[in-house]
Amino acid sequence: MNILVTNDDGIEAPGLWALAEAMSRVGNTMVVAPTEQKSGAGTSVSLHSGMRVDEVPSKISGIEAYAVDGTPSDCVIVGLRQLAKGRHIDMVISGINAGANTGRDIPYSGTVMATLQGYFRRIPSIAVSLAYRERGEELRFDVAAMVAESLARRVEGGNMPTDVIINTNIPNIPLSEIKGMVTTRAAAGSYYSIPRSRDSDVTNISVTSLPTIADFPHQVGGLKPVIEEGTDIWAIMSDMISITPLRIDVTDHDSLEALEGHVTALQSDLLSDGRRL
């Protein structure tokens, strides 16, 4: 199994190398990451500027490593097209990001959107993020790496969907404190817009008694934040690992029928002006 590892925190990020080490136990691993921090790059690609690509000393024996003066998406494109040197890449995995990638922040995420380049090419793609609650916390990349390795082995064994991006968010707590793993949908809000202190009852909710919005006592502007049950934010705020399948389809299918009448009327207006379609 040939694995391409990337991130948006840069080639020196400890989360990148924790992930690379875990992937090296699964298959042949190549690291292709930005030269510097590129958080928030989303789907950005460098269409009109040259990119420098340098092989760099690897922190792990047996792993090729390259630094790209571009975005996370650039890294995956260059890795697949050039640096793979004819090898078929069987999986693209991005991370481990220092911070959650959930809800409405997903489209901005360089970590998640880097995997889009694998998804477009029908390559199994995984994004891995470590959701800390307060700055200055010790980041438990070892826990996130264990989760990533398990996911990669499931993909290798044909036991995971491969036609979606598997967006994974792991709470930044010891493995013994994680209350479970759940499939989720992306929340409507942002993880970073709510207080995230663990000093609340939500951290004491068991998997057998899953939380609802009433269990979140945090206040924002006098109102409770919208943390819907079953969402990625709900999961990590409940000390559970969130697994969200992402599919890129920008068409609003629910609006097609409603728009049909307007388009027909627009066409009639244009024809009445003597124009032909």
C-alpha atoms as a PDB file:
ATOM      1  CA  MET A   1       0.000   0.000   0.000  1.00  0.00           C
ATOM      2  CA  ASN A   2       1.420   3.393  -1.046  1.00  0.00           C
ATOM      3  CA  ILE A   3       0.392   6.301   1.178  1.00  0.00           C
ATOM      4  CA  LEU A   4       0.793  10.039   0.641  1.00  0.00           C
ATOM      5  CA  VAL A   5       0.862  12.084   3.859  1.00  0.00           C
ATOM      6  CA  THR A   6       0.335  15.840   3.842  1.00  0.00           C
ATOM      7  CA  ASN A   7      -0.851  18.639   6.137  1.00  0.00           C
ATOM      8  CA  ASP A   8      -1.404  22.394   6.347  1.00  0.00           C
ATOM      9  CA  ASP A   9       0.786  23.101   9.382  1.00  0.00           C
ATOM     10  CA  GLY A  10       4.030  22.742   7.448  1.00  0.00           C
ATOM     11  CA  ILE A  11       6.826  20.239   6.974  1.00  0.00           C
ATOM     12  CA  GLU A  12       8.168  20.702  10.514  1.00  0.00           C
ATOM     13  CA  ALA A  13       4.861  20.162  12.322  1.00  0.00           C
ATOM     14  CA  PRO A  14       5.002  17.404  14.950  1.00  0.00           C
ATOM     15  CA  GLY A  15       1.515  16.212  14.026  1.00  0.00           C
ATOM     16  CA  LEU A  16       2.678  15.511  10.466  1.00  0.00           C
ATOM     17  CA  TRP A  17       5.489  13.269  11.641  1.00  0.00           C
ATOM     18  CA  ALA A  18       3.345  11.480  14.207  1.00  0.00           C
ATOM     19  CA  LEU A  19       0.974  10.647  11.357  1.00  0.00           C
ATOM     20  CA  ALA A  20       3.800   9.643   9.012  1.00  0.00           C
ATOM     21  CA  GLU A  21       5.240   7.289  11.610  1.00  0.00           C
ATOM     22  CA  ALA A  22       1.833   5.649  12.082  1.00  0.00           C
ATOM     23  CA  MET A  23       1.351   5.297   8.318  1.00  0.00           C
ATOM     24  CA  SER A  24       4.813   3.744   7.922  1.00  0.00           C
ATOM     25  CA  ARG A  25       3.460   0.779   9.887  1.00  0.00           C
ATOM     26  CA  VAL A  26       0.666   0.393   7.334  1.00  0.00           C
ATOM     27  CA  GLY A  27       2.454   0.827   4.013  1.00  0.00           C
ATOM     28  CA  ASN A  28       5.070   2.624   1.930  1.00  0.00           C
ATOM     29  CA  THR A  29       4.799   6.247   3.021  1.00  0.00           C
ATOM     30  CA  MET A  30       5.774   9.506   1.330  1.00  0.00           C
ATOM     31  CA  VAL A  31       5.474  12.906   3.005  1.00  0.00           C
ATOM     32  CA  VAL A  32       4.701  15.954   0.849  1.00  0.00           C
ATOM     33  CA  ALA A  33       3.921  19.039   2.930  1.00  0.00           C
ATOM     34  CA  PRO A  34       4.038  22.834   2.653  1.00  0.00           C
ATOM     35  CA  THR A  35       7.294  24.579   3.424  1.00  0.00           C
ATOM     36  CA  GLU A  36       5.496  26.692   6.020  1.00  0.00           C
ATOM     37  CA  GLN A  37       2.182  27.097   7.839  1.00  0.00           C
ATOM     38  CA  LYS A  38      -0.770  27.163   5.418  1.00  0.00           C
ATOM     39  CA  SER A  39      -3.775  26.882   7.735  1.00  0.00           C
ATOM     40  CA  GLY A  40      -7.010  28.182   6.246  1.00  0.00           C
ATOM     41  CA  ALA A  41      -5.838  27.647   2.672  1.00  0.00           C
ATOM     42  CA  GLY A  42      -8.927  25.621   1.831  1.00  0.00           C
ATOM     43  CA  THR A  43      -8.959  24.497  -1.803  1.00  0.00           C
ATOM     44  CA  SER A  44      -6.406  27.089  -2.932  1.00  0.00           C
ATOM     45  CA  VAL A  45      -4.002  25.973  -5.668  1.00  0.00           C
ATOM     46  CA  SER A  46      -1.087  27.822  -7.254  1.00  0.00           C
ATOM     47  CA  LEU A  47      -2.227  28.177 -10.855  1.00  0.00           C
ATOM     48  CA  HIS A  48      -0.159  31.186 -11.851  1.00  0.00           C
ATOM     49  CA  SER A  49       3.004  30.971  -9.787  1.00  0.00           C
ATOM     50  CA  GLY A  50       5.983  28.682  -9.804  1.00  0.00           C
ATOM     51  CA  MET A  51       6.506  26.294  -6.920  1.00  0.00           C
ATOM     52  CA  ARG A  52       9.748  25.146  -5.399  1.00  0.00           C
ATOM     53  CA  VAL A  53       9.843  21.464  -4.494  1.00  0.00           C
ATOM     54  CA  ASP A  54      12.718  20.244  -2.337  1.00  0.00           C
ATOM     55  CA  GLU A  55      13.517  16.838  -0.956  1.00  0.00           C
ATOM     56  CA  VAL A  56      14.216  17.302   2.738  1.00  0.00           C
ATOM     57  CA  PRO A  57      15.763  15.110   5.429  1.00  0.00           C
ATOM     58  CA  SER A  58      13.138  12.738   6.748  1.00  0.00           C
ATOM     59  CA  LYS A  59      12.559  12.451  10.490  1.00  0.00           C
ATOM     60  CA  ILE A  60      11.685   8.781  10.013  1.00  0.00           C
ATOM     61  CA  SER A  61      13.900   6.210   8.365  1.00  0.00           C
ATOM     62  CA  GLY A  62      12.585   4.812   5.108  1.00  0.00           C
ATOM     63  CA  ILE A  63      10.182   7.702   4.363  1.00  0.00           C
ATOM     64  CA  GLU A  64      10.727  10.100   1.478  1.00  0.00           C
ATOM     65  CA  ALA A  65       9.951  13.697   2.435  1.00  0.00           C
ATOM     66  CA  TYR A  66       9.396  16.758   0.276  1.00  0.00           C
ATOM     67  CA  ALA A  67       8.679  20.391   1.086  1.00  0.00           C
ATOM     68  CA  VAL A  68       6.555  22.324  -1.403  1.00  0.00           C
ATOM     69  CA  ASP A  69       6.445  26.110  -1.539  1.00  0.00           C
ATOM     70  CA  GLY A  70       2.702  26.050  -2.057  1.00  0.00           C
ATOM     71  CA  THR A  71      -0.629  25.077  -0.544  1.00  0.00           C
ATOM     72  CA  PRO A  72      -1.731  21.706   0.865  1.00  0.00           C
ATOM     73  CA  SER A  73      -3.672  21.054  -2.344  1.00  0.00           C
ATOM     74  CA  ASP A  74      -0.513  21.816  -4.340  1.00  0.00           C
ATOM     75  CA  CYS A  75       1.329  19.253  -2.242  1.00  0.00           C
ATOM     76  CA  VAL A  76      -1.106  16.475  -3.095  1.00  0.00           C
ATOM     77  CA  ILE A  77      -1.226  17.392  -6.782  1.00  0.00           C
ATOM     78  CA  VAL A  78       2.579  17.462  -7.069  1.00  0.00           C
ATOM     79  CA  GLY A  79       2.861  14.315  -4.998  1.00  0.00           C
ATOM     80  CA  LEU A  80       0.441  12.357  -7.163  1.00  0.00           C
ATOM     81  CA  ARG A  81       1.606  13.676 -10.509  1.00  0.00           C
ATOM     82  CA  GLN A  82       5.352  13.995 -10.020  1.00  0.00           C
ATOM     83  CA  LEU A  83       6.834  12.735  -6.784  1.00  0.00           C
ATOM     84  CA  ALA A  84       5.084   9.362  -6.834  1.00  0.00           C
ATOM     85  CA  LYS A  85       7.262   8.582  -9.882  1.00  0.00           C
ATOM     86  CA  GLY A  86       4.739   6.303 -11.488  1.00  0.00           C
ATOM     87  CA  ARG A  87       3.686   4.538  -8.311  1.00  0.00           C
ATOM     88  CA  HIS A  88      -0.048   4.317  -7.694  1.00  0.00           C
ATOM     89  CA  ILE A  89      -0.998   6.099  -4.484  1.00  0.00           C
ATOM     90  CA  ASP A  90      -3.542   3.998  -2.620  1.00  0.00           C
ATOM     91  CA  MET A  91      -4.432   6.510   0.086  1.00  0.00           C
ATOM     92  CA  VAL A  92      -4.092  10.226   0.813  1.00  0.00           C
ATOM     93  CA  ILE A  93      -4.124  11.202   4.474  1.00  0.00           C
ATOM     94  CA  SER A  94      -3.802  14.713   5.866  1.00  0.00           C
ATOM     95  CA  GLY A  95      -2.904  15.870   9.390  1.00  0.00           C
ATOM     96  CA  ILE A  96      -2.559  15.564  12.233  1.00  0.00           C
ATOM     97  CA  ASN A  97      -3.921  19.084  12.488  1.00  0.00           C
ATOM     98  CA  ALA A  98      -3.473  21.009  15.717  1.00  0.00           C
ATOM     99  CA  GLY A  99      -7.109  22.027  16.131  1.00  0.00           C
ATOM    100  CA  ALA A 100     -10.550  20.825  15.106  1.00  0.00           C
ATOM    101  CA  ASN A 101     -11.855  20.889  11.541  1.00  0.00           C
ATOM    102  CA  THR A 102     -15.603  20.741  11.977  1.00  0.00           C
ATOM    103  CA  GLY A 103     -18.870  22.352  10.918  1.00  0.00           C
ATOM    104  CA  ARG A 104     -18.739  25.445   8.792  1.00  0.00           C
ATOM    105  CA  ASP A 105     -14.939  25.648   9.139  1.00  0.00           C
ATOM    106  CA  ILE A 106     -14.436  22.579   6.938  1.00  0.00           C
ATOM    107  CA  PRO A 107     -14.398  24.437   3.576  1.00  0.00           C
ATOM    108  CA  TYR A 108     -11.618  26.711   4.851  1.00  0.00           C
ATOM    109  CA  SER A 109      -9.507  23.875   6.162  1.00  0.00           C
ATOM    110  CA  GLY A 110      -6.247  23.174   4.382  1.00  0.00           C
ATOM    111  CA  THR A 111      -6.130  19.852   6.242  1.00  0.00           C
ATOM    112  CA  VAL A 112      -9.478  18.629   4.918  1.00  0.00           C
ATOM    113  CA  MET A 113      -9.420  20.242   1.493  1.00  0.00           C
ATOM    114  CA  ALA A 114      -6.000  18.779   0.685  1.00  0.00           C
ATOM    115  CA  THR A 115      -7.722  15.398   0.628  1.00  0.00           C
ATOM    116  CA  LEU A 116     -10.083  16.691  -2.042  1.00  0.00           C
ATOM    117  CA  GLN A 117      -7.350  16.103  -4.608  1.00  0.00           C
ATOM    118  CA  GLY A 118      -7.317  12.430  -3.705  1.00  0.00           C
ATOM    119  CA  TYR A 119     -11.124  12.264  -3.583  1.00  0.00           C
ATOM    120  CA  PHE A 120     -11.394  13.704  -7.113  1.00  0.00           C
ATOM    121  CA  ARG A 121      -9.110  10.909  -8.312  1.00  0.00           C
ATOM    122  CA  ARG A 122     -11.107   8.232  -6.463  1.00  0.00           C
ATOM    123  CA  ILE A 123      -8.266   7.621  -4.016  1.00  0.00           C
ATOM    124  CA  PRO A 124      -9.348   6.831  -0.435  1.00  0.00           C
ATOM    125  CA  SER A 125      -8.777  10.042   1.512  1.00  0.00           C
ATOM    126  CA  ILE A 126      -8.721  10.792   5.236  1.00  0.00           C
ATOM    127  CA  ALA A 127      -8.329  14.035   7.190  1.00  0.00           C
ATOM    128  CA  VAL A 128      -7.229  13.829  10.839  1.00  0.00           C
ATOM    129  CA  SER A 129      -7.516  16.670  13.362  1.00  0.00           C
ATOM    130  CA  LEU A 130      -6.856  16.933  17.088  1.00  0.00           C
ATOM    131  CA  ALA A 131      -9.493  19.069  18.793  1.00  0.00           C
ATOM    132  CA  TYR A 132      -7.992  20.907  21.731  1.00  0.00           C
ATOM    133  CA  ARG A 133     -10.226  23.046  23.942  1.00  0.00           C
ATOM    134  CA  GLU A 134      -7.783  25.568  25.358  1.00  0.00           C
ATOM    135  CA  ARG A 135      -4.549  26.934  23.943  1.00  0.00           C
ATOM    136  CA  GLY A 136      -1.489  25.660  25.722  1.00  0.00           C
ATOM    137  CA  GLU A 137      -2.820  22.135  26.209  1.00  0.00           C
ATOM    138  CA  GLU A 138      -0.420  19.269  25.678  1.00  0.00           C
ATOM    139  CA  LEU A 139      -1.307  17.962  22.225  1.00  0.00           C
ATOM    140  CA  ARG A 140      -1.839  14.214  22.220  1.00  0.00           C
ATOM    141  CA  PHE A 141      -0.716  13.421  18.709  1.00  0.00           C
ATOM    142  CA  ASP A 142      -0.006   9.853  19.831  1.00  0.00           C
ATOM    143  CA  VAL A 143      -3.713   9.234  20.432  1.00  0.00           C
ATOM    144  CA  ALA A 144      -4.707  10.760  17.087  1.00  0.00           C
ATOM    145  CA  ALA A 145      -2.012   8.715  15.336  1.00  0.00           C
ATOM    146  CA  MET A 146      -3.443   5.508  16.806  1.00  0.00           C
ATOM    147  CA  VAL A 147      -6.885   6.430  15.461  1.00  0.00           C
ATOM    148  CA  ALA A 148      -5.416   7.269  12.052  1.00  0.00           C
ATOM    149  CA  GLU A 149      -3.551   3.964  11.888  1.00  0.00           C
ATOM    150  CA  SER A 150      -6.718   2.032  12.703  1.00  0.00           C
ATOM    151  CA  LEU A 151      -8.631   3.888   9.994  1.00  0.00           C
ATOM    152  CA  ALA A 152      -5.870   3.286   7.444  1.00  0.00           C
ATOM    153  CA  ARG A 153      -5.850  -0.429   8.194  1.00  0.00           C
ATOM    154  CA  ARG A 154      -9.631  -0.555   7.752  1.00  0.00           C
ATOM    155  CA  VAL A 155      -9.266   1.166   4.377  1.00  0.00           C
ATOM    156  CA  GLU A 156      -6.494  -1.235   3.400  1.00  0.00           C
ATOM    157  CA  GLY A 157      -8.700  -4.178   4.310  1.00  0.00           C
ATOM    158  CA  GLY A 158     -11.591  -2.848   2.227  1.00  0.00           C
ATOM    159  CA  ASN A 159     -13.721  -2.215   5.299  1.00  0.00           C
ATOM    160  CA  MET A 160     -14.310   1.543   4.944  1.00  0.00           C
ATOM    161  CA  PRO A 161     -16.133   3.632   2.314  1.00  0.00           C
ATOM    162  CA  THR A 162     -13.618   4.924  -0.225  1.00  0.00           C
ATOM    163  CA  ASP A 163     -15.879   7.191  -2.281  1.00  0.00           C
ATOM    164  CA  VAL A 164     -15.991   9.882   0.421  1.00  0.00           C
ATOM    165  CA  ILE A 165     -13.543  11.940   2.460  1.00  0.00           C
ATOM    166  CA  ILE A 166     -13.350  10.539   5.991  1.00  0.00           C
ATOM    167  CA  ASN A 167     -13.085  13.652   8.153  1.00  0.00           C
ATOM    168  CA  THR A 168     -11.866  12.622  11.587  1.00  0.00           C
ATOM    169  CA  ASN A 169     -11.765  14.776  14.726  1.00  0.00           C
ATOM    170  CA  ILE A 170     -10.274  13.398  17.930  1.00  0.00           C
ATOM    171  CA  PRO A 171     -10.721  15.115  21.305  1.00  0.00           C
ATOM    172  CA  ASN A 172      -7.392  16.114  22.838  1.00  0.00           C
ATOM    173  CA  ILE A 173      -7.628  13.903  25.894  1.00  0.00           C
ATOM    174  CA  PRO A 174      -6.003  10.642  27.037  1.00  0.00           C
ATOM    175  CA  LEU A 175      -7.231   7.543  25.229  1.00  0.00           C
ATOM    176  CA  SER A 176      -8.652   6.225  28.500  1.00  0.00           C
ATOM    177  CA  GLU A 177     -10.973   9.256  28.728  1.00  0.00           C
ATOM    178  CA  ILE A 178     -12.422   8.965  25.229  1.00  0.00           C
ATOM    179  CA  LYS A 179     -16.023   7.847  25.550  1.00  0.00           C
ATOM    180  CA  GLY A 180     -16.443   6.307  22.129  1.00  0.00           C
ATOM    181  CA  MET A 181     -16.422   6.848  18.386  1.00  0.00           C
ATOM    182  CA  VAL A 182     -19.477   7.997  16.420  1.00  0.00           C
ATOM    183  CA  THR A 183     -20.433   8.772  12.851  1.00  0.00           C
ATOM    184  CA  THR A 184     -21.561  12.382  12.571  1.00  0.00           C
ATOM    185  CA  ARG A 185     -22.706  15.087  10.199  1.00  0.00           C
ATOM    186  CA  ALA A 186     -21.045  18.478   9.895  1.00  0.00           C
ATOM    187  CA  ALA A 187     -22.478  21.030  12.323  1.00  0.00           C
ATOM    188  CA  ALA A 188     -24.054  24.249  11.103  1.00  0.00           C
ATOM    189  CA  GLY A 189     -21.817  26.350  13.357  1.00  0.00           C
ATOM    190  CA  SER A 190     -18.144  26.697  14.212  1.00  0.00           C
ATOM    191  CA  TYR A 191     -16.286  24.918  16.998  1.00  0.00           C
ATOM    192  CA  TYR A 192     -14.256  28.071  17.546  1.00  0.00           C
ATOM    193  CA  SER A 193     -17.300  30.262  18.211  1.00  0.00           C
ATOM    194  CA  ILE A 194     -18.221  28.545  21.476  1.00  0.00           C
ATOM    195  CA  PRO A 195     -16.458  28.336  24.836  1.00  0.00           C
ATOM    196  CA  ARG A 196     -14.619  25.005  24.945  1.00  0.00           C
ATOM    197  CA  SER A 197     -13.578  24.635  28.560  1.00  0.00           C
ATOM    198  CA  ARG A 198     -13.834  21.080  29.903  1.00  0.00           C
ATOM    199  CA  ASP A 199     -15.163  22.558  33.134  1.00  0.00           C
ATOM    200  CA  SER A 200     -18.768  21.577  32.446  1.00  0.00           C
ATOM    201  CA  ASP A 201     -21.152  18.669  32.839  1.00  0.00           C
ATOM    202  CA  VAL A 202     -20.793  17.708  29.180  1.00  0.00           C
ATOM    203  CA  THR A 203     -17.454  16.053  29.906  1.00  0.00           C
ATOM    204  CA  ASN A 204     -19.164  13.626  32.287  1.00  0.00           C
ATOM    205  CA  ILE A 205     -21.756  12.268  29.850  1.00  0.00           C
ATOM    206  CA  SER A 206     -21.391   8.574  29.083  1.00  0.00           C
ATOM    207  CA  VAL A 207     -21.750   6.935  25.699  1.00  0.00           C
ATOM    208  CA  THR A 208     -24.813   5.069  26.930  1.00  0.00           C
ATOM    209  CA  SER A 209     -26.505   8.389  27.673  1.00  0.00           C
ATOM    210  CA  LEU A 210     -25.688  10.474  24.647  1.00  0.00           C
ATOM    211  CA  PRO A 211     -25.912  14.265  25.137  1.00  0.00           C
ATOM    212  CA  THR A 212     -28.384  16.684  23.656  1.00  0.00           C
ATOM    213  CA  ILE A 213     -28.266  20.468  23.393  1.00  0.00           C
ATOM    214  CA  ALA A 214     -29.694  20.712  26.924  1.00  0.00           C
ATOM    215  CA  ASP A 215     -26.504  19.169  28.259  1.00  0.00           C
ATOM    216  CA  PHE A 216     -24.322  22.040  27.024  1.00  0.00           C
ATOM    217  CA  PRO A 217     -24.407  24.861  29.592  1.00  0.00           C
ATOM    218  CA  HIS A 218     -22.134  27.232  27.667  1.00  0.00           C
ATOM    219  CA  GLN A 219     -23.511  30.686  26.941  1.00  0.00           C
ATOM    220  CA  VAL A 220     -22.689  32.892  23.956  1.00  0.00           C
ATOM    221  CA  GLY A 221     -24.156  36.394  24.035  1.00  0.00           C
ATOM    222  CA  GLY A 222     -26.738  35.190  26.550  1.00  0.00           C
ATOM    223  CA  LEU A 223     -27.864  32.319  24.283  1.00  0.00           C
ATOM    224  CA  LYS A 224     -26.834  28.696  24.137  1.00  0.00           C
ATOM    225  CA  PRO A 225     -24.816  27.862  21.017  1.00  0.00           C
ATOM    226  CA  VAL A 226     -26.480  25.588  18.505  1.00  0.00           C
ATOM    227  CA  ILE A 227     -24.785  22.238  19.090  1.00  0.00           C
ATOM    228  CA  GLU A 228     -27.075  19.681  17.542  1.00  0.00           C
ATOM    229  CA  GLU A 229     -27.003  16.066  18.567  1.00  0.00           C
ATOM    230  CA  GLY A 230     -25.284  13.901  15.988  1.00  0.00           C
ATOM    231  CA  THR A 231     -22.920  16.613  14.726  1.00  0.00           C
ATOM    232  CA  ASP A 232     -19.137  16.633  14.739  1.00  0.00           C
ATOM    233  CA  ILE A 233     -18.948  19.449  17.312  1.00  0.00           C
ATOM    234  CA  TRP A 234     -21.404  17.634  19.574  1.00  0.00           C
ATOM    235  CA  ALA A 235     -19.223  14.524  19.429  1.00  0.00           C
ATOM    236  CA  ILE A 236     -15.912  16.095  20.348  1.00  0.00           C
ATOM    237  CA  MET A 237     -17.523  18.268  23.021  1.00  0.00           C
ATOM    238  CA  SER A 238     -18.791  14.976  24.439  1.00  0.00           C
ATOM    239  CA  ASP A 239     -15.273  13.475  24.459  1.00  0.00           C
ATOM    240  CA  MET A 240     -16.019  11.211  21.515  1.00  0.00           C
ATOM    241  CA  ILE A 241     -14.152  10.713  18.249  1.00  0.00           C
ATOM    242  CA  SER A 242     -16.103  12.134  15.316  1.00  0.00           C
ATOM    243  CA  ILE A 243     -16.080  10.410  11.915  1.00  0.00           C
ATOM    244  CA  THR A 244     -17.830  12.481   9.245  1.00  0.00           C
ATOM    245  CA  PRO A 245     -18.119  11.274   5.637  1.00  0.00           C
ATOM    246  CA  LEU A 246     -17.831  14.199   3.217  1.00  0.00           C
ATOM    247  CA  ARG A 247     -18.967  14.242  -0.386  1.00  0.00           C
ATOM    248  CA  ILE A 248     -18.450  17.196  -2.685  1.00  0.00           C
ATOM    249  CA  ASP A 249     -21.643  18.010  -4.585  1.00  0.00           C
ATOM    250  CA  VAL A 250     -22.291  21.745  -4.847  1.00  0.00           C
ATOM    251  CA  THR A 251     -25.710  21.381  -6.518  1.00  0.00           C
ATOM    252  CA  ASP A 252     -28.684  22.244  -4.312  1.00  0.00           C
ATOM    253  CA  HIS A 253     -30.917  19.426  -5.507  1.00  0.00           C
ATOM    254  CA  ASP A 254     -33.856  20.617  -3.395  1.00  0.00           C
ATOM    255  CA  SER A 255     -33.994  23.876  -5.376  1.00  0.00           C
ATOM    256  CA  LEU A 256     -33.928  22.403  -8.876  1.00  0.00           C
ATOM    257  CA  GLU A 257     -37.683  21.994  -9.178  1.00  0.00           C
ATOM    258  CA  ALA A 258     -38.402  25.409  -7.643  1.00  0.00           C
ATOM    259  CA  LEU A 259     -36.022  27.102 -10.074  1.00  0.00           C
ATOM    260  CA  GLU A 260     -37.454  25.359 -13.122  1.00  0.00           C
ATOM    261  CA  GLY A 261     -40.447  27.701 -13.355  1.00  0.00           C
ATOM    262  CA  HIS A 262     -38.243  30.791 -12.983  1.00  0.00           C
ATOM    263  CA  VAL A 263     -35.891  29.608 -15.703  1.00  0.00           C
ATOM    264  CA  THR A 264     -38.823  28.966 -18.040  1.00  0.00           C
ATOM    265  CA  ALA A 265     -40.106  32.496 -17.376  1.00  0.00           C
ATOM    266  CA  LEU A 266     -36.639  33.961 -17.925  1.00  0.00           C
ATOM    267  CA  GLN A 267     -36.349  32.140 -21.230  1.00  0.00           C
ATOM    268  CA  SER A 268     -39.758  33.504 -22.281  1.00  0.00           C
ATOM    269  CA  ASP A 269     -38.664  37.051 -21.360  1.00  0.00           C
ATOM    270  CA  LEU A 270     -35.537  36.754 -23.446  1.00  0.00           C
ATOM    271  CA  LEU A 271     -37.441  35.358 -26.438  1.00  0.00           C
ATOM    272  CA  SER A 272     -40.008  38.140 -26.201  1.00  0.00           C
ATOM    273  CA  ASP A 273     -37.155  40.632 -26.574  1.00  0.00           C
ATOM    274  CA  GLY A 274     -36.430  39.124 -29.977  1.00  0.00           C
ATOM    275  CA  ARG A 275     -33.444  37.117 -28.865  1.00  0.00           C
ATOM    276  CA  ARG A 276     -33.013  33.466 -29.724  1.00  0.00           C
ATOM    277  CA  LEU A 277     -31.601  30.852 -27.347  1.00  0.00           C
END
